[in-house]
Amino acid sequence: MSIFKEKKGFFGNLGARIHDTIFAKMEVDENVMDELEEILITSDIGMETTMKIMDKIRDKIATDYIVKPENVRKALSNIIMECVDKGDRQLLSDKSPLVILMIGINGGGKTTTIGKLAYRLKGQGKSVMLAAADTFRAAASEQLSIWGERNGIPVIKHQEGADPSAVIFDAIQSAKARHTDVLICDTAGRLQNKKNLMNELEKMNKVIGREWPEADRETLLILDATTGKNAISQAQEFGNVADITGIVITKLDGTAKGGIAITIADEFDMPVKFIGTGEGLEDLEAFDPAEFIGGLFDE
């Protein structure tokens, strides 16, 4: 069974609310359309994406003369699927070596996600190393070390306040010496000074390019689903300073409304690659658009 069907809390009853609204009447009229619009907006789907969905469903209803609730429901499902499915469903580069930069605000689940991702990759038979390059947050390296110990994975770290790029440099040397497949780098999680963050990320990428040119790269943005529309603004801000290759949405474990996945994929053209569904090592799921929409509409 799909993880999305097992945990209806992903959507904050979004699917049930859509179902109840559509099937409340024998025919779908403009009042129903207004209710659907409100449901989408209050489920953390951004205004731009909501308007796009509503314009398309209205056009579809008018063009195909749709009046039956079940047909409206199916059309809406297909339209939302178009917003979410961006075609490229490769989770991560399958090349080795691979360097993954993890970015996102503090408190969003970045370190926990690193631990889960390391566990997942190790389970696939890959050798993994962690780099504690978030050197300005107190206890960040210690938290990462705990995840390293739980996974049996080495962690390269420096003292608090050290140059993050120096940590990356040392981690690359160690990873090369051990013929490591994947190096996952924790990075600074602050947006207060975007120029400093941009410079820091640029410096890290230069070190990677110079010291390990053969390594492929991914930059994953971690977004906390429970922050709703704040996560959308974070995607905008981080997208301005980093070349993001994918999104990980965390804390989709019952309290989030789920609409953020639709908005991020649609408005920012960023593929959602993973979702965090709990605190355990195995609670990191590959994001599948078909399963997501199937769970949403109980298909």
C-alpha atoms as a PDB file:
ATOM      1  CA  MET A   1       0.000   0.000   0.000  1.00  0.00           C
ATOM      2  CA  SER A   2       1.189   3.515  -0.820  1.00  0.00           C
ATOM      3  CA  ILE A   3       2.693   5.440   2.090  1.00  0.00           C
ATOM      4  CA  PHE A   4       0.365   8.284   1.105  1.00  0.00           C
ATOM      5  CA  LYS A   5      -2.705   6.082   1.520  1.00  0.00           C
ATOM      6  CA  GLU A   6      -1.443   4.723   4.815  1.00  0.00           C
ATOM      7  CA  LYS A   7      -0.961   8.174   6.330  1.00  0.00           C
ATOM      8  CA  LYS A   8      -3.881  10.392   5.454  1.00  0.00           C
ATOM      9  CA  GLY A   9      -2.479  13.061   7.773  1.00  0.00           C
ATOM     10  CA  PHE A  10      -0.102  14.019   4.967  1.00  0.00           C
ATOM     11  CA  PHE A  11      -2.863  16.079   3.450  1.00  0.00           C
ATOM     12  CA  GLY A  12      -4.679  17.425   6.490  1.00  0.00           C
ATOM     13  CA  ASN A  13      -7.847  15.833   5.061  1.00  0.00           C
ATOM     14  CA  LEU A  14      -7.344  17.720   1.793  1.00  0.00           C
ATOM     15  CA  GLY A  15      -8.513  14.732  -0.215  1.00  0.00           C
ATOM     16  CA  ALA A  16     -11.568  14.234   1.978  1.00  0.00           C
ATOM     17  CA  ARG A  17     -12.469  17.931   1.789  1.00  0.00           C
ATOM     18  CA  ILE A  18     -12.238  17.912  -1.996  1.00  0.00           C
ATOM     19  CA  HIS A  19     -14.364  14.758  -2.166  1.00  0.00           C
ATOM     20  CA  ASP A  20     -17.031  16.137   0.158  1.00  0.00           C
ATOM     21  CA  THR A  21     -17.225  19.431  -1.714  1.00  0.00           C
ATOM     22  CA  ILE A  22     -17.521  17.879  -5.177  1.00  0.00           C
ATOM     23  CA  PHE A  23     -20.034  15.228  -4.170  1.00  0.00           C
ATOM     24  CA  ALA A  24     -22.155  17.545  -2.029  1.00  0.00           C
ATOM     25  CA  LYS A  25     -24.290  18.385  -5.070  1.00  0.00           C
ATOM     26  CA  MET A  26     -25.592  16.472  -8.053  1.00  0.00           C
ATOM     27  CA  GLU A  27     -23.949  18.955 -10.395  1.00  0.00           C
ATOM     28  CA  VAL A  28     -20.846  21.086 -10.052  1.00  0.00           C
ATOM     29  CA  ASP A  29     -21.532  24.821 -10.223  1.00  0.00           C
ATOM     30  CA  GLU A  30     -19.562  27.998  -9.550  1.00  0.00           C
ATOM     31  CA  ASN A  31     -20.245  27.788  -5.822  1.00  0.00           C
ATOM     32  CA  VAL A  32     -18.483  24.434  -5.766  1.00  0.00           C
ATOM     33  CA  MET A  33     -15.589  25.958  -7.707  1.00  0.00           C
ATOM     34  CA  ASP A  34     -15.284  28.715  -5.114  1.00  0.00           C
ATOM     35  CA  GLU A  35     -15.225  26.142  -2.323  1.00  0.00           C
ATOM     36  CA  LEU A  36     -12.544  24.126  -4.115  1.00  0.00           C
ATOM     37  CA  GLU A  37     -10.430  27.245  -4.511  1.00  0.00           C
ATOM     38  CA  GLU A  38     -10.652  27.976  -0.798  1.00  0.00           C
ATOM     39  CA  ILE A  39      -9.728  24.382   0.063  1.00  0.00           C
ATOM     40  CA  LEU A  40      -6.616  24.501  -2.103  1.00  0.00           C
ATOM     41  CA  ILE A  41      -5.433  27.810  -0.685  1.00  0.00           C
ATOM     42  CA  THR A  42      -5.963  26.714   2.930  1.00  0.00           C
ATOM     43  CA  SER A  43      -4.021  23.493   2.281  1.00  0.00           C
ATOM     44  CA  ASP A  44      -0.748  25.375   1.734  1.00  0.00           C
ATOM     45  CA  ILE A  45      -1.049  25.414  -2.044  1.00  0.00           C
ATOM     46  CA  GLY A  46       0.238  28.786  -3.210  1.00  0.00           C
ATOM     47  CA  MET A  47      -2.028  31.361  -4.804  1.00  0.00           C
ATOM     48  CA  GLU A  48      -0.329  31.156  -8.211  1.00  0.00           C
ATOM     49  CA  THR A  49      -0.653  27.367  -8.363  1.00  0.00           C
ATOM     50  CA  THR A  50      -4.205  27.459  -7.032  1.00  0.00           C
ATOM     51  CA  MET A  51      -5.259  29.928  -9.723  1.00  0.00           C
ATOM     52  CA  LYS A  52      -3.598  27.783 -12.382  1.00  0.00           C
ATOM     53  CA  ILE A  53      -5.427  24.677 -11.160  1.00  0.00           C
ATOM     54  CA  MET A  54      -8.777  26.468 -10.971  1.00  0.00           C
ATOM     55  CA  ASP A  55      -8.421  28.008 -14.442  1.00  0.00           C
ATOM     56  CA  LYS A  56      -7.631  24.609 -15.907  1.00  0.00           C
ATOM     57  CA  ILE A  57     -10.487  22.803 -14.165  1.00  0.00           C
ATOM     58  CA  ARG A  58     -12.966  25.463 -15.253  1.00  0.00           C
ATOM     59  CA  ASP A  59     -11.733  25.211 -18.851  1.00  0.00           C
ATOM     60  CA  LYS A  60     -11.909  21.424 -18.713  1.00  0.00           C
ATOM     61  CA  ILE A  61     -15.458  21.472 -17.358  1.00  0.00           C
ATOM     62  CA  ALA A  62     -16.566  23.937 -20.028  1.00  0.00           C
ATOM     63  CA  THR A  63     -14.773  22.253 -22.930  1.00  0.00           C
ATOM     64  CA  ASP A  64     -15.810  18.691 -22.117  1.00  0.00           C
ATOM     65  CA  TYR A  65     -19.228  19.602 -20.707  1.00  0.00           C
ATOM     66  CA  ILE A  66     -18.404  17.898 -17.431  1.00  0.00           C
ATOM     67  CA  VAL A  67     -21.170  17.930 -14.837  1.00  0.00           C
ATOM     68  CA  LYS A  68     -20.818  14.644 -12.956  1.00  0.00           C
ATOM     69  CA  PRO A  69     -18.865  14.921  -9.693  1.00  0.00           C
ATOM     70  CA  GLU A  70     -16.781  11.815 -10.392  1.00  0.00           C
ATOM     71  CA  ASN A  71     -15.595  13.239 -13.724  1.00  0.00           C
ATOM     72  CA  VAL A  72     -14.728  16.555 -12.097  1.00  0.00           C
ATOM     73  CA  ARG A  73     -12.752  14.698  -9.443  1.00  0.00           C
ATOM     74  CA  LYS A  74     -10.825  12.768 -12.111  1.00  0.00           C
ATOM     75  CA  ALA A  75     -10.100  15.924 -14.106  1.00  0.00           C
ATOM     76  CA  LEU A  76      -8.854  17.696 -10.986  1.00  0.00           C
ATOM     77  CA  SER A  77      -6.635  14.729 -10.167  1.00  0.00           C
ATOM     78  CA  ASN A  78      -5.045  14.870 -13.639  1.00  0.00           C
ATOM     79  CA  ILE A  79      -4.497  18.635 -13.439  1.00  0.00           C
ATOM     80  CA  ILE A  80      -2.759  18.442 -10.048  1.00  0.00           C
ATOM     81  CA  MET A  81      -0.676  15.537 -11.360  1.00  0.00           C
ATOM     82  CA  GLU A  82       0.575  17.823 -14.156  1.00  0.00           C
ATOM     83  CA  CYS A  83       1.678  20.342 -11.520  1.00  0.00           C
ATOM     84  CA  VAL A  84       3.599  17.764  -9.488  1.00  0.00           C
ATOM     85  CA  ASP A  85       5.143  15.455 -12.074  1.00  0.00           C
ATOM     86  CA  LYS A  86       8.086  17.195 -13.715  1.00  0.00           C
ATOM     87  CA  GLY A  87       9.174  14.205 -15.761  1.00  0.00           C
ATOM     88  CA  ASP A  88      12.681  13.643 -14.377  1.00  0.00           C
ATOM     89  CA  ARG A  89      12.115  11.108 -11.644  1.00  0.00           C
ATOM     90  CA  GLN A  90      15.743  10.198 -10.942  1.00  0.00           C
ATOM     91  CA  LEU A  91      16.120  10.559  -7.186  1.00  0.00           C
ATOM     92  CA  LEU A  92      19.864  11.154  -7.103  1.00  0.00           C
ATOM     93  CA  SER A  93      22.716  10.927  -9.530  1.00  0.00           C
ATOM     94  CA  ASP A  94      23.848   7.306  -9.797  1.00  0.00           C
ATOM     95  CA  LYS A  95      27.400   8.359 -10.588  1.00  0.00           C
ATOM     96  CA  SER A  96      30.251   7.698  -8.186  1.00  0.00           C
ATOM     97  CA  PRO A  97      31.766   9.618  -6.550  1.00  0.00           C
ATOM     98  CA  LEU A  98      28.894  11.913  -5.629  1.00  0.00           C
ATOM     99  CA  VAL A  99      28.922  14.993  -3.389  1.00  0.00           C
ATOM    100  CA  ILE A 100      25.588  16.087  -1.902  1.00  0.00           C
ATOM    101  CA  LEU A 101      25.280  19.579  -0.400  1.00  0.00           C
ATOM    102  CA  MET A 102      22.378  19.822   2.042  1.00  0.00           C
ATOM    103  CA  ILE A 103      20.949  23.314   2.517  1.00  0.00           C
ATOM    104  CA  GLY A 104      18.007  24.702   4.483  1.00  0.00           C
ATOM    105  CA  ILE A 105      17.211  26.781   7.545  1.00  0.00           C
ATOM    106  CA  ASN A 106      18.123  25.612  11.031  1.00  0.00           C
ATOM    107  CA  GLY A 107      15.336  23.625  12.653  1.00  0.00           C
ATOM    108  CA  GLY A 108      13.937  22.364   9.372  1.00  0.00           C
ATOM    109  CA  GLY A 109      15.182  18.817   9.795  1.00  0.00           C
ATOM    110  CA  LYS A 110      18.394  19.111   7.779  1.00  0.00           C
ATOM    111  CA  THR A 111      20.670  17.113  10.075  1.00  0.00           C
ATOM    112  CA  THR A 112      18.045  14.431  10.647  1.00  0.00           C
ATOM    113  CA  THR A 113      17.518  14.135   6.897  1.00  0.00           C
ATOM    114  CA  ILE A 114      21.250  13.697   6.374  1.00  0.00           C
ATOM    115  CA  GLY A 115      21.201  10.785   8.812  1.00  0.00           C
ATOM    116  CA  LYS A 116      18.253   9.175   7.058  1.00  0.00           C
ATOM    117  CA  LEU A 117      19.722   9.698   3.597  1.00  0.00           C
ATOM    118  CA  ALA A 118      23.052   8.235   4.703  1.00  0.00           C
ATOM    119  CA  TYR A 119      21.213   5.186   6.060  1.00  0.00           C
ATOM    120  CA  ARG A 120      19.314   4.807   2.786  1.00  0.00           C
ATOM    121  CA  LEU A 121      22.443   5.051   0.636  1.00  0.00           C
ATOM    122  CA  LYS A 122      24.397   2.668   2.844  1.00  0.00           C
ATOM    123  CA  GLY A 123      21.528   0.203   2.537  1.00  0.00           C
ATOM    124  CA  GLN A 124      22.001   0.374  -1.226  1.00  0.00           C
ATOM    125  CA  GLY A 125      25.560  -0.841  -0.793  1.00  0.00           C
ATOM    126  CA  LYS A 126      27.249   2.542  -1.143  1.00  0.00           C
ATOM    127  CA  SER A 127      30.070   3.779   1.061  1.00  0.00           C
ATOM    128  CA  VAL A 128      29.108   7.078   2.674  1.00  0.00           C
ATOM    129  CA  MET A 129      30.898   9.843   4.567  1.00  0.00           C
ATOM    130  CA  LEU A 130      29.512  12.944   6.287  1.00  0.00           C
ATOM    131  CA  ALA A 131      31.037  16.422   6.446  1.00  0.00           C
ATOM    132  CA  ALA A 132      29.982  18.712   9.322  1.00  0.00           C
ATOM    133  CA  ALA A 133      30.314  22.017   7.457  1.00  0.00           C
ATOM    134  CA  ASP A 134      27.600  23.836   9.431  1.00  0.00           C
ATOM    135  CA  THR A 135      30.280  25.167  11.736  1.00  0.00           C
ATOM    136  CA  PHE A 136      28.431  28.244  13.006  1.00  0.00           C
ATOM    137  CA  ARG A 137      25.524  26.499  14.717  1.00  0.00           C
ATOM    138  CA  ALA A 138      26.239  25.293  18.225  1.00  0.00           C
ATOM    139  CA  ALA A 139      26.218  21.494  18.536  1.00  0.00           C
ATOM    140  CA  ALA A 140      25.610  20.963  14.785  1.00  0.00           C
ATOM    141  CA  SER A 141      28.713  18.770  14.381  1.00  0.00           C
ATOM    142  CA  GLU A 142      27.845  16.820  17.531  1.00  0.00           C
ATOM    143  CA  GLN A 143      24.355  16.106  16.210  1.00  0.00           C
ATOM    144  CA  LEU A 144      25.784  14.950  12.920  1.00  0.00           C
ATOM    145  CA  SER A 145      28.289  12.758  14.752  1.00  0.00           C
ATOM    146  CA  ILE A 146      25.428  11.022  16.537  1.00  0.00           C
ATOM    147  CA  TRP A 147      23.821  10.173  13.207  1.00  0.00           C
ATOM    148  CA  GLY A 148      27.193   8.988  11.938  1.00  0.00           C
ATOM    149  CA  GLU A 149      27.552   6.651  14.895  1.00  0.00           C
ATOM    150  CA  ARG A 150      24.028   5.307  14.423  1.00  0.00           C
ATOM    151  CA  ASN A 151      24.828   4.546  10.779  1.00  0.00           C
ATOM    152  CA  GLY A 152      28.403   3.384  11.320  1.00  0.00           C
ATOM    153  CA  ILE A 153      29.563   6.144   8.971  1.00  0.00           C
ATOM    154  CA  PRO A 154      32.637   8.403   9.412  1.00  0.00           C
ATOM    155  CA  VAL A 155      32.076  12.111  10.066  1.00  0.00           C
ATOM    156  CA  ILE A 156      34.661  14.773   9.254  1.00  0.00           C
ATOM    157  CA  LYS A 157      34.411  17.838  11.501  1.00  0.00           C
ATOM    158  CA  HIS A 158      36.361  20.838  12.788  1.00  0.00           C
ATOM    159  CA  GLN A 159      35.928  23.122  15.763  1.00  0.00           C
ATOM    160  CA  GLU A 160      32.882  25.361  16.035  1.00  0.00           C
ATOM    161  CA  GLY A 161      33.354  28.523  13.998  1.00  0.00           C
ATOM    162  CA  ALA A 162      35.861  26.968  11.592  1.00  0.00           C
ATOM    163  CA  ASP A 163      35.816  27.733   7.877  1.00  0.00           C
ATOM    164  CA  PRO A 164      33.116  25.459   6.343  1.00  0.00           C
ATOM    165  CA  SER A 165      35.122  25.100   3.132  1.00  0.00           C
ATOM    166  CA  ALA A 166      38.080  23.825   5.136  1.00  0.00           C
ATOM    167  CA  VAL A 167      35.844  21.055   6.460  1.00  0.00           C
ATOM    168  CA  ILE A 168      34.769  20.235   2.905  1.00  0.00           C
ATOM    169  CA  PHE A 169      38.416  20.175   1.818  1.00  0.00           C
ATOM    170  CA  ASP A 170      39.423  17.720   4.543  1.00  0.00           C
ATOM    171  CA  ALA A 171      36.328  15.593   3.949  1.00  0.00           C
ATOM    172  CA  ILE A 172      37.140  15.307   0.243  1.00  0.00           C
ATOM    173  CA  GLN A 173      40.709  14.229   0.957  1.00  0.00           C
ATOM    174  CA  SER A 174      39.469  11.586   3.368  1.00  0.00           C
ATOM    175  CA  ALA A 175      36.711  10.440   1.005  1.00  0.00           C
ATOM    176  CA  LYS A 176      39.158  10.118  -1.887  1.00  0.00           C
ATOM    177  CA  ALA A 177      41.620   8.153   0.259  1.00  0.00           C
ATOM    178  CA  ARG A 178      38.862   5.724   1.275  1.00  0.00           C
ATOM    179  CA  HIS A 179      37.324   5.557  -2.232  1.00  0.00           C
ATOM    180  CA  THR A 180      34.025   6.740  -0.792  1.00  0.00           C
ATOM    181  CA  ASP A 181      30.992   6.648  -3.085  1.00  0.00           C
ATOM    182  CA  VAL A 182      28.960   9.478  -1.537  1.00  0.00           C
ATOM    183  CA  LEU A 183      30.013  12.481   0.557  1.00  0.00           C
ATOM    184  CA  ILE A 184      27.078  14.267   2.226  1.00  0.00           C
ATOM    185  CA  CYS A 185      27.844  17.792   3.418  1.00  0.00           C
ATOM    186  CA  ASP A 186      25.855  19.629   6.086  1.00  0.00           C
ATOM    187  CA  THR A 187      25.986  23.366   5.335  1.00  0.00           C
ATOM    188  CA  ALA A 188      25.040  26.613   7.051  1.00  0.00           C
ATOM    189  CA  GLY A 189      21.328  27.067   7.630  1.00  0.00           C
ATOM    190  CA  ARG A 190      20.811  30.794   7.756  1.00  0.00           C
ATOM    191  CA  LEU A 191      19.329  33.326   5.376  1.00  0.00           C
ATOM    192  CA  GLN A 192      19.808  36.495   7.401  1.00  0.00           C
ATOM    193  CA  ASN A 193      22.696  37.517   5.190  1.00  0.00           C
ATOM    194  CA  LYS A 194      22.093  36.062   1.747  1.00  0.00           C
ATOM    195  CA  LYS A 195      25.313  37.489   0.352  1.00  0.00           C
ATOM    196  CA  ASN A 196      27.408  35.663   2.944  1.00  0.00           C
ATOM    197  CA  LEU A 197      25.485  32.445   2.331  1.00  0.00           C
ATOM    198  CA  MET A 198      25.928  32.754  -1.426  1.00  0.00           C
ATOM    199  CA  ASN A 199      29.645  33.393  -1.021  1.00  0.00           C
ATOM    200  CA  GLU A 200      29.957  30.444   1.332  1.00  0.00           C
ATOM    201  CA  LEU A 201      28.186  28.050  -1.038  1.00  0.00           C
ATOM    202  CA  GLU A 202      30.187  29.352  -3.970  1.00  0.00           C
ATOM    203  CA  LYS A 203      33.434  28.776  -2.082  1.00  0.00           C
ATOM    204  CA  MET A 204      32.379  25.218  -1.170  1.00  0.00           C
ATOM    205  CA  ASN A 205      31.570  24.423  -4.790  1.00  0.00           C
ATOM    206  CA  LYS A 206      34.917  25.804  -5.908  1.00  0.00           C
ATOM    207  CA  VAL A 207      36.694  23.539  -3.411  1.00  0.00           C
ATOM    208  CA  ILE A 208      34.729  20.531  -4.647  1.00  0.00           C
ATOM    209  CA  GLY A 209      35.420  21.389  -8.288  1.00  0.00           C
ATOM    210  CA  ARG A 210      39.127  21.874  -7.651  1.00  0.00           C
ATOM    211  CA  GLU A 211      39.772  18.953  -5.306  1.00  0.00           C
ATOM    212  CA  TRP A 212      37.361  16.362  -6.712  1.00  0.00           C
ATOM    213  CA  PRO A 213      36.525  17.378 -10.294  1.00  0.00           C
ATOM    214  CA  GLU A 214      35.359  13.898 -11.244  1.00  0.00           C
ATOM    215  CA  ALA A 215      32.663  13.903  -8.547  1.00  0.00           C
ATOM    216  CA  ASP A 216      29.073  14.504  -9.568  1.00  0.00           C
ATOM    217  CA  ARG A 217      27.066  16.961  -7.458  1.00  0.00           C
ATOM    218  CA  GLU A 218      23.594  17.358  -5.981  1.00  0.00           C
ATOM    219  CA  THR A 219      22.253  20.259  -3.918  1.00  0.00           C
ATOM    220  CA  LEU A 220      19.182  19.327  -1.900  1.00  0.00           C
ATOM    221  CA  LEU A 221      17.011  21.922  -0.167  1.00  0.00           C
ATOM    222  CA  ILE A 222      15.337  20.787   3.051  1.00  0.00           C
ATOM    223  CA  LEU A 223      11.900  22.289   3.703  1.00  0.00           C
ATOM    224  CA  ASP A 224       9.754  21.785   6.796  1.00  0.00           C
ATOM    225  CA  ALA A 225       6.171  21.037   5.700  1.00  0.00           C
ATOM    226  CA  THR A 226       4.725  22.275   8.989  1.00  0.00           C
ATOM    227  CA  THR A 227       5.887  25.833   8.254  1.00  0.00           C
ATOM    228  CA  GLY A 228       3.447  26.051   5.347  1.00  0.00           C
ATOM    229  CA  LYS A 229       3.848  29.103   3.166  1.00  0.00           C
ATOM    230  CA  ASN A 230       7.096  30.060   4.962  1.00  0.00           C
ATOM    231  CA  ALA A 231       8.643  27.032   3.289  1.00  0.00           C
ATOM    232  CA  ILE A 232       7.591  28.438  -0.067  1.00  0.00           C
ATOM    233  CA  SER A 233       9.423  31.704   0.647  1.00  0.00           C
ATOM    234  CA  GLN A 234      12.476  29.682   1.719  1.00  0.00           C
ATOM    235  CA  ALA A 235      12.454  27.879  -1.627  1.00  0.00           C
ATOM    236  CA  GLN A 236      12.447  31.269  -3.325  1.00  0.00           C
ATOM    237  CA  GLU A 237      15.282  32.653  -1.197  1.00  0.00           C
ATOM    238  CA  PHE A 238      17.543  29.610  -1.374  1.00  0.00           C
ATOM    239  CA  GLY A 239      16.797  29.231  -5.069  1.00  0.00           C
ATOM    240  CA  ASN A 240      18.271  32.696  -5.561  1.00  0.00           C
ATOM    241  CA  VAL A 241      21.614  31.711  -4.031  1.00  0.00           C
ATOM    242  CA  ALA A 242      22.025  28.026  -4.896  1.00  0.00           C
ATOM    243  CA  ASP A 243      21.693  25.727  -7.898  1.00  0.00           C
ATOM    244  CA  ILE A 244      19.148  23.388  -6.304  1.00  0.00           C
ATOM    245  CA  THR A 245      18.741  19.960  -7.897  1.00  0.00           C
ATOM    246  CA  GLY A 246      15.964  18.673  -5.646  1.00  0.00           C
ATOM    247  CA  ILE A 247      13.753  19.174  -2.606  1.00  0.00           C
ATOM    248  CA  VAL A 248      13.303  17.115   0.542  1.00  0.00           C
ATOM    249  CA  ILE A 249      10.091  17.902   2.434  1.00  0.00           C
ATOM    250  CA  THR A 250      10.335  16.985   6.109  1.00  0.00           C
ATOM    251  CA  LYS A 251       7.812  16.436   8.897  1.00  0.00           C
ATOM    252  CA  LEU A 252       5.041  15.100   6.685  1.00  0.00           C
ATOM    253  CA  ASP A 253       3.967  12.898   9.559  1.00  0.00           C
ATOM    254  CA  GLY A 254       0.404  13.937  10.225  1.00  0.00           C
ATOM    255  CA  THR A 255       0.354  17.649  11.024  1.00  0.00           C
ATOM    256  CA  ALA A 256       1.273  19.125   7.646  1.00  0.00           C
ATOM    257  CA  LYS A 257      -1.290  19.917   4.984  1.00  0.00           C
ATOM    258  CA  GLY A 258       0.728  18.496   2.089  1.00  0.00           C
ATOM    259  CA  GLY A 259      -0.050  21.226  -0.427  1.00  0.00           C
ATOM    260  CA  ILE A 260       3.497  22.531  -0.279  1.00  0.00           C
ATOM    261  CA  ALA A 261       4.667  19.598  -2.437  1.00  0.00           C
ATOM    262  CA  ILE A 262       2.324  20.725  -5.213  1.00  0.00           C
ATOM    263  CA  THR A 263       3.401  24.366  -4.999  1.00  0.00           C
ATOM    264  CA  ILE A 264       7.134  23.718  -4.872  1.00  0.00           C
ATOM    265  CA  ALA A 265       7.049  21.404  -7.872  1.00  0.00           C
ATOM    266  CA  ASP A 266       4.841  23.759  -9.874  1.00  0.00           C
ATOM    267  CA  GLU A 267       5.955  27.304  -9.076  1.00  0.00           C
ATOM    268  CA  PHE A 268       9.684  26.687  -8.703  1.00  0.00           C
ATOM    269  CA  ASP A 269      10.095  23.806 -11.150  1.00  0.00           C
ATOM    270  CA  MET A 270      12.073  21.952  -8.480  1.00  0.00           C
ATOM    271  CA  PRO A 271      11.539  18.191  -8.252  1.00  0.00           C
ATOM    272  CA  VAL A 272      10.524  16.882  -4.843  1.00  0.00           C
ATOM    273  CA  LYS A 273      12.823  13.887  -4.385  1.00  0.00           C
ATOM    274  CA  PHE A 274      12.195  12.701  -0.833  1.00  0.00           C
ATOM    275  CA  ILE A 275       9.755  13.206   2.023  1.00  0.00           C
ATOM    276  CA  GLY A 276      10.447  12.760   5.732  1.00  0.00           C
ATOM    277  CA  THR A 277       7.681  10.894   7.540  1.00  0.00           C
ATOM    278  CA  GLY A 278       9.052  10.469  11.057  1.00  0.00           C
ATOM    279  CA  GLU A 279      12.144  10.454  13.256  1.00  0.00           C
ATOM    280  CA  GLY A 280      13.431   6.947  12.525  1.00  0.00           C
ATOM    281  CA  LEU A 281      16.294   6.071  10.196  1.00  0.00           C
ATOM    282  CA  GLU A 282      13.908   4.457   7.728  1.00  0.00           C
ATOM    283  CA  ASP A 283      11.464   7.391   7.719  1.00  0.00           C
ATOM    284  CA  LEU A 284      12.653   8.881   4.440  1.00  0.00           C
ATOM    285  CA  GLU A 285      10.475   7.999   1.456  1.00  0.00           C
ATOM    286  CA  ALA A 286      11.181   8.486  -2.230  1.00  0.00           C
ATOM    287  CA  PHE A 287       8.609  10.935  -3.566  1.00  0.00           C
ATOM    288  CA  ASP A 288       6.409   9.369  -6.246  1.00  0.00           C
ATOM    289  CA  PRO A 289       3.933  11.789  -7.911  1.00  0.00           C
ATOM    290  CA  ALA A 290       1.519   9.021  -8.909  1.00  0.00           C
ATOM    291  CA  GLU A 291       1.398   7.660  -5.357  1.00  0.00           C
ATOM    292  CA  PHE A 292       1.048  11.181  -3.988  1.00  0.00           C
ATOM    293  CA  ILE A 293      -1.945  11.977  -6.193  1.00  0.00           C
ATOM    294  CA  GLY A 294      -3.369   8.489  -5.691  1.00  0.00           C
ATOM    295  CA  GLY A 295      -3.236   8.963  -1.941  1.00  0.00           C
ATOM    296  CA  LEU A 296      -4.728  12.428  -2.234  1.00  0.00           C
ATOM    297  CA  PHE A 297      -7.703  11.236  -4.247  1.00  0.00           C
ATOM    298  CA  ASP A 298      -7.783   7.696  -2.786  1.00  0.00           C
ATOM    299  CA  GLU A 299      -7.278   6.158  -6.223  1.00  0.00           C
END
